[in-house]
N, C-alpha and C. Protein backbone atom coordinates (compact mmCIF):
# COMPACT_ATOMS: atom_id res chain seq x y z
N MET A 1 87.00 108.21 -16.93
CA MET A 1 86.61 109.45 -17.58
C MET A 1 87.42 110.59 -16.94
N LYS A 2 87.97 111.43 -17.78
CA LYS A 2 88.77 112.54 -17.29
C LYS A 2 87.86 113.60 -16.67
N GLN A 3 88.42 114.30 -15.67
CA GLN A 3 87.65 115.27 -14.91
C GLN A 3 87.05 116.36 -15.80
N VAL A 4 87.80 116.81 -16.80
CA VAL A 4 87.30 117.88 -17.68
C VAL A 4 86.04 117.43 -18.43
N VAL A 5 85.99 116.16 -18.82
CA VAL A 5 84.81 115.62 -19.50
C VAL A 5 83.67 115.48 -18.51
N LEU A 6 83.97 114.94 -17.34
CA LEU A 6 82.95 114.80 -16.29
C LEU A 6 82.34 116.15 -15.94
N ASP A 7 83.18 117.17 -15.79
CA ASP A 7 82.68 118.51 -15.46
C ASP A 7 81.77 119.05 -16.56
N ALA A 8 82.18 118.87 -17.82
CA ALA A 8 81.38 119.36 -18.95
C ALA A 8 80.02 118.67 -19.01
N LEU A 9 79.99 117.36 -18.78
CA LEU A 9 78.72 116.63 -18.84
C LEU A 9 77.83 116.97 -17.66
N ASN A 10 78.42 117.16 -16.49
CA ASN A 10 77.61 117.58 -15.33
C ASN A 10 77.01 118.96 -15.58
N LYS A 11 77.78 119.84 -16.17
CA LYS A 11 77.25 121.17 -16.51
C LYS A 11 76.09 121.03 -17.50
N GLN A 12 76.24 120.11 -18.46
CA GLN A 12 75.18 119.92 -19.45
C GLN A 12 73.93 119.31 -18.83
N ILE A 13 74.09 118.43 -17.85
CA ILE A 13 72.92 117.90 -17.14
C ILE A 13 72.09 119.07 -16.60
N ASN A 14 72.76 120.00 -15.94
CA ASN A 14 72.06 121.12 -15.34
C ASN A 14 71.47 122.05 -16.39
N ARG A 15 72.14 122.19 -17.51
CA ARG A 15 71.58 123.00 -18.60
C ARG A 15 70.32 122.36 -19.17
N GLU A 16 70.33 121.04 -19.30
CA GLU A 16 69.15 120.33 -19.80
C GLU A 16 68.00 120.46 -18.81
N MET A 17 68.32 120.42 -17.52
CA MET A 17 67.28 120.59 -16.50
C MET A 17 66.71 122.00 -16.56
N TYR A 18 67.57 123.00 -16.78
CA TYR A 18 67.08 124.36 -16.96
C TYR A 18 66.17 124.42 -18.19
N SER A 19 66.58 123.78 -19.28
CA SER A 19 65.76 123.76 -20.49
C SER A 19 64.38 123.19 -20.19
N SER A 20 64.34 122.12 -19.41
CA SER A 20 63.06 121.52 -19.03
C SER A 20 62.21 122.53 -18.26
N ASN A 21 62.82 123.21 -17.30
CA ASN A 21 62.08 124.21 -16.52
C ASN A 21 61.63 125.38 -17.39
N LEU A 22 62.48 125.79 -18.33
CA LEU A 22 62.11 126.89 -19.23
C LEU A 22 60.87 126.51 -20.04
N TYR A 23 60.86 125.31 -20.60
CA TYR A 23 59.72 124.91 -21.42
C TYR A 23 58.48 124.66 -20.59
N LEU A 24 58.65 124.20 -19.36
CA LEU A 24 57.49 124.06 -18.48
C LEU A 24 56.92 125.43 -18.13
N SER A 25 57.79 126.41 -17.94
CA SER A 25 57.33 127.77 -17.70
C SER A 25 56.61 128.32 -18.92
N MET A 26 57.12 128.03 -20.10
CA MET A 26 56.43 128.45 -21.33
C MET A 26 55.08 127.77 -21.44
N SER A 27 55.01 126.51 -21.04
CA SER A 27 53.74 125.79 -21.05
C SER A 27 52.73 126.51 -20.15
N ALA A 28 53.18 126.89 -18.97
CA ALA A 28 52.29 127.60 -18.04
C ALA A 28 51.85 128.95 -18.62
N TYR A 29 52.77 129.63 -19.29
CA TYR A 29 52.43 130.90 -19.94
C TYR A 29 51.33 130.67 -20.98
N TYR A 30 51.54 129.69 -21.86
CA TYR A 30 50.54 129.44 -22.90
C TYR A 30 49.20 129.02 -22.29
N ALA A 31 49.23 128.20 -21.25
CA ALA A 31 47.98 127.81 -20.59
C ALA A 31 47.28 129.04 -20.01
N SER A 32 48.06 129.99 -19.49
CA SER A 32 47.47 131.18 -18.87
C SER A 32 46.77 132.09 -19.89
N ILE A 33 47.13 131.95 -21.17
CA ILE A 33 46.46 132.75 -22.20
C ILE A 33 45.54 131.87 -23.06
N ASN A 34 45.18 130.72 -22.50
CA ASN A 34 44.20 129.81 -23.11
C ASN A 34 44.62 129.24 -24.46
N LEU A 35 45.91 129.02 -24.62
CA LEU A 35 46.41 128.32 -25.81
C LEU A 35 46.88 126.93 -25.35
N SER A 36 45.90 126.05 -25.14
CA SER A 36 46.18 124.74 -24.55
C SER A 36 47.02 123.85 -25.46
N GLY A 37 46.92 124.03 -26.77
CA GLY A 37 47.75 123.24 -27.68
C GLY A 37 49.21 123.63 -27.59
N PHE A 38 49.48 124.94 -27.55
CA PHE A 38 50.85 125.42 -27.35
C PHE A 38 51.36 124.93 -25.99
N ALA A 39 50.49 125.00 -24.97
CA ALA A 39 50.88 124.56 -23.63
C ALA A 39 51.24 123.09 -23.62
N LYS A 40 50.45 122.25 -24.29
CA LYS A 40 50.75 120.82 -24.35
C LYS A 40 52.07 120.59 -25.08
N TRP A 41 52.29 121.28 -26.19
CA TRP A 41 53.52 121.11 -26.95
C TRP A 41 54.73 121.42 -26.07
N MET A 42 54.66 122.51 -25.32
CA MET A 42 55.77 122.90 -24.45
C MET A 42 55.93 121.94 -23.26
N GLU A 43 54.82 121.43 -22.75
CA GLU A 43 54.91 120.47 -21.65
C GLU A 43 55.63 119.21 -22.11
N ILE A 44 55.32 118.74 -23.30
CA ILE A 44 56.01 117.58 -23.86
C ILE A 44 57.48 117.90 -24.10
N GLN A 45 57.75 119.12 -24.56
CA GLN A 45 59.13 119.54 -24.78
C GLN A 45 59.89 119.55 -23.46
N ALA A 46 59.25 120.00 -22.39
CA ALA A 46 59.88 119.99 -21.07
C ALA A 46 60.25 118.57 -20.66
N ALA A 47 59.34 117.62 -20.88
CA ALA A 47 59.62 116.22 -20.54
C ALA A 47 60.78 115.68 -21.37
N GLU A 48 60.84 116.07 -22.63
CA GLU A 48 61.92 115.62 -23.51
C GLU A 48 63.27 116.16 -23.02
N GLU A 49 63.29 117.40 -22.59
CA GLU A 49 64.53 117.97 -22.08
C GLU A 49 64.99 117.27 -20.80
N MET A 50 64.03 116.90 -19.95
CA MET A 50 64.40 116.15 -18.75
C MET A 50 64.95 114.78 -19.13
N MET A 51 64.38 114.18 -20.18
CA MET A 51 64.91 112.90 -20.67
C MET A 51 66.36 113.08 -21.13
N HIS A 52 66.67 114.22 -21.75
CA HIS A 52 68.04 114.49 -22.17
C HIS A 52 68.96 114.57 -20.96
N ALA A 53 68.52 115.26 -19.91
CA ALA A 53 69.32 115.34 -18.69
C ALA A 53 69.57 113.95 -18.12
N MET A 54 68.55 113.12 -18.14
CA MET A 54 68.68 111.78 -17.59
C MET A 54 69.59 110.90 -18.47
N LYS A 55 69.61 111.15 -19.75
CA LYS A 55 70.50 110.42 -20.64
C LYS A 55 71.96 110.69 -20.24
N PHE A 56 72.28 111.96 -19.98
CA PHE A 56 73.62 112.30 -19.50
C PHE A 56 73.87 111.70 -18.12
N TYR A 57 72.89 111.79 -17.24
CA TYR A 57 72.99 111.26 -15.88
C TYR A 57 73.35 109.77 -15.90
N HIS A 58 72.59 108.99 -16.66
CA HIS A 58 72.83 107.55 -16.71
C HIS A 58 74.15 107.23 -17.40
N PHE A 59 74.52 108.00 -18.39
CA PHE A 59 75.81 107.80 -19.06
C PHE A 59 76.95 107.98 -18.06
N LEU A 60 76.88 109.03 -17.26
CA LEU A 60 77.93 109.25 -16.26
C LEU A 60 78.00 108.08 -15.28
N LEU A 61 76.86 107.60 -14.83
CA LEU A 61 76.86 106.45 -13.92
C LEU A 61 77.48 105.22 -14.58
N GLN A 62 77.14 104.98 -15.84
CA GLN A 62 77.70 103.83 -16.56
C GLN A 62 79.22 103.93 -16.69
N ARG A 63 79.73 105.14 -16.77
CA ARG A 63 81.17 105.35 -16.95
C ARG A 63 81.89 105.52 -15.62
N GLY A 64 81.21 105.33 -14.52
CA GLY A 64 81.84 105.43 -13.22
C GLY A 64 81.97 106.86 -12.71
N GLY A 65 81.29 107.78 -13.36
CA GLY A 65 81.31 109.17 -12.93
C GLY A 65 80.19 109.45 -11.96
N LYS A 66 80.30 110.56 -11.26
CA LYS A 66 79.26 110.95 -10.31
C LYS A 66 78.51 112.15 -10.84
N PRO A 67 77.23 111.99 -11.15
CA PRO A 67 76.43 113.14 -11.55
C PRO A 67 76.31 114.13 -10.39
N ILE A 68 76.49 115.39 -10.70
CA ILE A 68 76.34 116.46 -9.71
C ILE A 68 75.18 117.35 -10.17
N ILE A 69 74.15 117.41 -9.34
CA ILE A 69 72.97 118.22 -9.67
C ILE A 69 73.11 119.54 -8.94
N GLY A 70 73.29 120.60 -9.70
CA GLY A 70 73.46 121.92 -9.13
C GLY A 70 72.15 122.70 -9.11
N ALA A 71 72.25 123.92 -8.62
CA ALA A 71 71.09 124.81 -8.59
C ALA A 71 70.66 125.13 -10.02
N ILE A 72 69.37 125.17 -10.23
CA ILE A 72 68.81 125.48 -11.54
C ILE A 72 68.20 126.88 -11.46
N ALA A 73 68.65 127.75 -12.35
CA ALA A 73 68.14 129.13 -12.37
C ALA A 73 66.65 129.16 -12.67
N GLU A 74 65.98 130.15 -12.13
CA GLU A 74 64.56 130.33 -12.39
C GLU A 74 64.36 130.88 -13.80
N PRO A 75 63.52 130.23 -14.59
CA PRO A 75 63.27 130.73 -15.95
C PRO A 75 62.28 131.88 -15.94
N PRO A 76 62.20 132.62 -17.04
CA PRO A 76 61.15 133.64 -17.15
C PRO A 76 59.77 133.00 -17.00
N ALA A 77 58.79 133.82 -16.65
CA ALA A 77 57.43 133.30 -16.47
C ALA A 77 56.42 133.94 -17.41
N VAL A 78 56.78 135.05 -18.03
CA VAL A 78 55.85 135.79 -18.87
C VAL A 78 56.58 136.22 -20.14
N TRP A 79 55.84 136.20 -21.24
CA TRP A 79 56.36 136.66 -22.52
C TRP A 79 55.38 137.69 -23.08
N ASP A 80 55.87 138.50 -23.99
CA ASP A 80 55.03 139.56 -24.58
C ASP A 80 53.98 139.04 -25.54
N SER A 81 54.23 137.86 -26.11
CA SER A 81 53.29 137.32 -27.10
C SER A 81 53.62 135.85 -27.34
N PRO A 82 52.69 135.12 -27.95
CA PRO A 82 52.97 133.72 -28.29
C PRO A 82 54.21 133.57 -29.18
N VAL A 83 54.39 134.49 -30.11
CA VAL A 83 55.55 134.39 -31.00
C VAL A 83 56.84 134.66 -30.22
N LYS A 84 56.81 135.59 -29.27
CA LYS A 84 58.02 135.90 -28.50
C LYS A 84 58.46 134.70 -27.68
N ALA A 85 57.53 133.97 -27.10
CA ALA A 85 57.90 132.78 -26.34
C ALA A 85 58.58 131.75 -27.24
N PHE A 86 58.03 131.55 -28.44
CA PHE A 86 58.65 130.57 -29.35
C PHE A 86 59.97 131.09 -29.90
N GLU A 87 60.09 132.39 -30.09
CA GLU A 87 61.39 132.95 -30.50
C GLU A 87 62.44 132.67 -29.42
N ASP A 88 62.03 132.83 -28.16
CA ASP A 88 62.95 132.53 -27.06
C ASP A 88 63.30 131.04 -27.03
N ALA A 89 62.33 130.19 -27.32
CA ALA A 89 62.61 128.75 -27.38
C ALA A 89 63.63 128.44 -28.48
N TYR A 90 63.43 129.04 -29.64
CA TYR A 90 64.37 128.83 -30.73
C TYR A 90 65.77 129.31 -30.35
N HIS A 91 65.86 130.52 -29.81
CA HIS A 91 67.16 131.05 -29.41
C HIS A 91 67.81 130.19 -28.34
N HIS A 92 67.00 129.67 -27.44
CA HIS A 92 67.54 128.78 -26.41
C HIS A 92 68.11 127.51 -27.06
N GLU A 93 67.41 126.97 -28.03
CA GLU A 93 67.92 125.77 -28.70
C GLU A 93 69.25 126.03 -29.41
N THR A 94 69.42 127.24 -29.95
CA THR A 94 70.71 127.54 -30.57
C THR A 94 71.81 127.60 -29.51
N LEU A 95 71.49 128.07 -28.32
CA LEU A 95 72.46 128.05 -27.21
C LEU A 95 72.82 126.61 -26.84
N VAL A 96 71.80 125.76 -26.73
CA VAL A 96 72.03 124.36 -26.39
C VAL A 96 72.93 123.70 -27.43
N THR A 97 72.69 124.01 -28.69
CA THR A 97 73.54 123.45 -29.74
C THR A 97 75.00 123.84 -29.51
N GLY A 98 75.25 125.09 -29.20
CA GLY A 98 76.61 125.53 -28.91
C GLY A 98 77.22 124.80 -27.73
N TRP A 99 76.41 124.58 -26.69
CA TRP A 99 76.91 123.86 -25.51
C TRP A 99 77.25 122.42 -25.86
N ILE A 100 76.41 121.80 -26.68
CA ILE A 100 76.69 120.41 -27.10
C ILE A 100 77.98 120.38 -27.91
N TYR A 101 78.14 121.34 -28.82
CA TYR A 101 79.37 121.40 -29.62
C TYR A 101 80.59 121.58 -28.72
N ASP A 102 80.46 122.39 -27.67
CA ASP A 102 81.56 122.56 -26.73
C ASP A 102 81.91 121.23 -26.05
N CYS A 103 80.90 120.47 -25.69
CA CYS A 103 81.13 119.16 -25.08
C CYS A 103 81.82 118.21 -26.06
N VAL A 104 81.41 118.26 -27.33
CA VAL A 104 82.06 117.43 -28.35
C VAL A 104 83.54 117.81 -28.45
N ALA A 105 83.82 119.09 -28.48
CA ALA A 105 85.22 119.54 -28.59
C ALA A 105 86.05 119.04 -27.41
N ILE A 106 85.48 119.09 -26.21
CA ILE A 106 86.19 118.60 -25.03
C ILE A 106 86.42 117.09 -25.13
N ALA A 107 85.38 116.35 -25.50
CA ALA A 107 85.52 114.89 -25.64
C ALA A 107 86.60 114.55 -26.67
N ARG A 108 86.60 115.27 -27.79
CA ARG A 108 87.60 115.02 -28.83
C ARG A 108 89.01 115.34 -28.33
N SER A 109 89.15 116.45 -27.62
CA SER A 109 90.47 116.84 -27.15
C SER A 109 91.03 115.85 -26.13
N GLU A 110 90.14 115.13 -25.46
CA GLU A 110 90.55 114.14 -24.46
C GLU A 110 90.52 112.71 -25.00
N ASN A 111 90.28 112.57 -26.30
CA ASN A 111 90.19 111.25 -26.94
C ASN A 111 89.19 110.34 -26.23
N ASP A 112 88.08 110.92 -25.80
CA ASP A 112 87.02 110.17 -25.11
C ASP A 112 85.97 109.79 -26.16
N TYR A 113 86.20 108.67 -26.80
CA TYR A 113 85.37 108.25 -27.93
C TYR A 113 83.96 107.85 -27.50
N ALA A 114 83.83 107.28 -26.31
CA ALA A 114 82.50 106.90 -25.83
C ALA A 114 81.63 108.14 -25.62
N THR A 115 82.21 109.16 -25.02
CA THR A 115 81.45 110.40 -24.81
C THR A 115 81.14 111.07 -26.14
N GLU A 116 82.11 111.07 -27.04
CA GLU A 116 81.86 111.67 -28.34
C GLU A 116 80.73 110.94 -29.06
N ASN A 117 80.69 109.63 -28.93
CA ASN A 117 79.61 108.85 -29.55
C ASN A 117 78.26 109.23 -28.96
N LEU A 118 78.18 109.35 -27.65
CA LEU A 118 76.93 109.79 -27.01
C LEU A 118 76.53 111.16 -27.54
N LEU A 119 77.49 112.05 -27.62
CA LEU A 119 77.19 113.43 -28.02
C LEU A 119 76.72 113.54 -29.46
N GLN A 120 77.09 112.59 -30.31
CA GLN A 120 76.61 112.63 -31.70
C GLN A 120 75.09 112.50 -31.75
N TRP A 121 74.52 111.74 -30.82
CA TRP A 121 73.06 111.64 -30.74
C TRP A 121 72.48 113.03 -30.47
N PHE A 122 73.11 113.78 -29.55
CA PHE A 122 72.64 115.12 -29.21
C PHE A 122 72.86 116.10 -30.35
N VAL A 123 73.96 115.96 -31.09
CA VAL A 123 74.21 116.82 -32.25
C VAL A 123 73.05 116.66 -33.24
N ASN A 124 72.69 115.42 -33.53
CA ASN A 124 71.57 115.15 -34.45
C ASN A 124 70.25 115.65 -33.89
N GLU A 125 70.04 115.48 -32.60
CA GLU A 125 68.81 115.93 -31.95
C GLU A 125 68.68 117.45 -32.06
N GLN A 126 69.78 118.16 -31.92
CA GLN A 126 69.73 119.62 -31.98
C GLN A 126 69.35 120.13 -33.36
N VAL A 127 69.73 119.43 -34.40
CA VAL A 127 69.30 119.82 -35.75
C VAL A 127 67.78 119.82 -35.80
N GLU A 128 67.18 118.75 -35.29
CA GLU A 128 65.71 118.64 -35.26
C GLU A 128 65.08 119.70 -34.35
N GLU A 129 65.66 119.89 -33.16
CA GLU A 129 65.10 120.85 -32.20
C GLU A 129 65.08 122.26 -32.78
N GLU A 130 66.19 122.68 -33.37
CA GLU A 130 66.25 124.03 -33.95
C GLU A 130 65.28 124.15 -35.13
N ALA A 131 65.25 123.17 -36.00
CA ALA A 131 64.39 123.24 -37.18
C ALA A 131 62.92 123.33 -36.79
N THR A 132 62.51 122.53 -35.81
CA THR A 132 61.11 122.53 -35.39
C THR A 132 60.72 123.87 -34.77
N ALA A 133 61.55 124.37 -33.87
CA ALA A 133 61.24 125.65 -33.22
C ALA A 133 61.21 126.78 -34.24
N LEU A 134 62.17 126.79 -35.17
CA LEU A 134 62.21 127.85 -36.17
C LEU A 134 60.99 127.79 -37.09
N GLU A 135 60.57 126.59 -37.45
CA GLU A 135 59.38 126.46 -38.30
C GLU A 135 58.15 127.06 -37.63
N ILE A 136 58.00 126.79 -36.34
CA ILE A 136 56.85 127.32 -35.61
C ILE A 136 56.96 128.84 -35.49
N VAL A 137 58.15 129.35 -35.23
CA VAL A 137 58.36 130.80 -35.17
C VAL A 137 57.97 131.45 -36.50
N GLU A 138 58.43 130.87 -37.58
CA GLU A 138 58.14 131.46 -38.90
C GLU A 138 56.64 131.42 -39.21
N LYS A 139 55.97 130.35 -38.83
CA LYS A 139 54.52 130.29 -39.03
C LYS A 139 53.79 131.32 -38.18
N LEU A 140 54.25 131.50 -36.94
CA LEU A 140 53.64 132.51 -36.08
C LEU A 140 53.84 133.91 -36.65
N LYS A 141 55.01 134.16 -37.20
CA LYS A 141 55.26 135.46 -37.83
C LYS A 141 54.35 135.66 -39.04
N LEU A 142 54.18 134.61 -39.83
CA LEU A 142 53.27 134.70 -40.98
C LEU A 142 51.84 134.95 -40.54
N ALA A 143 51.47 134.39 -39.40
CA ALA A 143 50.11 134.57 -38.88
C ALA A 143 49.84 136.03 -38.53
N ASN A 144 50.90 136.77 -38.18
CA ASN A 144 50.79 138.20 -37.93
C ASN A 144 49.66 138.52 -36.92
N ASN A 145 49.63 137.73 -35.83
CA ASN A 145 48.64 137.90 -34.76
C ASN A 145 47.19 137.67 -35.20
N ASN A 146 46.99 136.98 -36.32
CA ASN A 146 45.64 136.65 -36.77
C ASN A 146 45.08 135.58 -35.83
N PRO A 147 44.00 135.90 -35.07
CA PRO A 147 43.49 134.95 -34.08
C PRO A 147 43.07 133.61 -34.67
N GLN A 148 42.49 133.62 -35.88
CA GLN A 148 42.06 132.35 -36.47
C GLN A 148 43.27 131.45 -36.76
N ILE A 149 44.33 132.03 -37.26
CA ILE A 149 45.52 131.23 -37.56
C ILE A 149 46.18 130.75 -36.27
N ILE A 150 46.25 131.61 -35.27
CA ILE A 150 46.83 131.22 -33.97
C ILE A 150 46.04 130.05 -33.38
N LEU A 151 44.71 130.13 -33.45
CA LEU A 151 43.89 129.04 -32.92
C LEU A 151 44.05 127.76 -33.74
N MET A 152 44.21 127.89 -35.04
CA MET A 152 44.46 126.71 -35.87
C MET A 152 45.81 126.08 -35.50
N MET A 153 46.82 126.90 -35.31
CA MET A 153 48.12 126.39 -34.89
C MET A 153 48.03 125.75 -33.51
N ASP A 154 47.24 126.36 -32.63
CA ASP A 154 47.05 125.82 -31.28
C ASP A 154 46.49 124.40 -31.36
N ALA A 155 45.50 124.21 -32.22
CA ALA A 155 44.91 122.87 -32.39
C ALA A 155 45.94 121.90 -32.95
N GLN A 156 46.72 122.36 -33.91
CA GLN A 156 47.74 121.50 -34.52
C GLN A 156 48.83 121.13 -33.51
N LEU A 157 49.33 122.10 -32.76
CA LEU A 157 50.39 121.81 -31.80
C LEU A 157 49.89 120.91 -30.67
N GLY A 158 48.60 121.01 -30.37
CA GLY A 158 48.02 120.16 -29.33
C GLY A 158 47.98 118.69 -29.69
N GLN A 159 48.24 118.37 -30.95
CA GLN A 159 48.25 116.97 -31.40
C GLN A 159 49.60 116.30 -31.20
N ARG A 160 50.59 117.04 -30.70
CA ARG A 160 51.92 116.46 -30.48
C ARG A 160 51.82 115.29 -29.52
N ALA A 161 52.44 114.19 -29.90
CA ALA A 161 52.44 113.00 -29.06
C ALA A 161 53.58 113.09 -28.04
N THR A 162 53.42 112.38 -26.96
CA THR A 162 54.45 112.33 -25.93
C THR A 162 55.73 111.76 -26.51
N ALA A 163 56.85 112.33 -26.09
CA ALA A 163 58.16 111.86 -26.55
C ALA A 163 58.39 110.43 -26.09
N PRO A 164 58.99 109.59 -26.94
CA PRO A 164 59.28 108.22 -26.54
C PRO A 164 60.34 108.20 -25.45
N VAL A 165 60.33 107.14 -24.63
CA VAL A 165 61.33 106.96 -23.59
C VAL A 165 62.67 106.66 -24.26
N SER A 166 63.72 107.27 -23.76
CA SER A 166 65.04 107.08 -24.32
C SER A 166 65.54 105.66 -24.13
N ALA A 167 66.03 105.07 -25.20
CA ALA A 167 66.60 103.72 -25.12
C ALA A 167 67.89 103.74 -24.33
N GLY A 168 68.53 104.90 -24.24
CA GLY A 168 69.81 105.01 -23.53
C GLY A 168 69.69 105.17 -22.04
N ALA A 169 68.49 105.32 -21.53
CA ALA A 169 68.33 105.54 -20.09
C ALA A 169 68.26 104.22 -19.35
N THR A 170 69.28 103.96 -18.62
CA THR A 170 69.32 102.74 -17.80
C THR A 170 69.69 103.11 -16.37
N THR A 171 69.38 102.24 -15.46
CA THR A 171 69.75 102.52 -14.08
C THR A 171 70.83 101.59 -13.61
């Protein structure tokens, strides 16, 4: 694996770990305002993001690369409202999509077909991630701070099942 690809994937590992911390922080925020369903949804999202980091981690090991775990920035801890937190989640997912696309471009420029194949899974995943976050944002905006609707959404989001273990994670 060429160094430029290794560097890009190591950077993405750390970005995925930041994403996990961001969503765990959002989970704590929602729990602090007694929206346990929102908190559960974000906690599961945090676990999913860590699974993404581990997918890159194991891929690097399989390819003979060395994963480098860098410092992870501290995420925000408070948001102005439930909708603002989800808006931030959606905007963060659009950033992640751009980062994944950057990794694809690097893999393509280096003719690294194995890495490009791995990244296609993430390209598809990002379509789902953005769509889900945007749908929740739009519903929260429609709710217009109506407590009954927020509580109904809280109950619905609390039904989210734990993310399945990645088939690509091997040791």
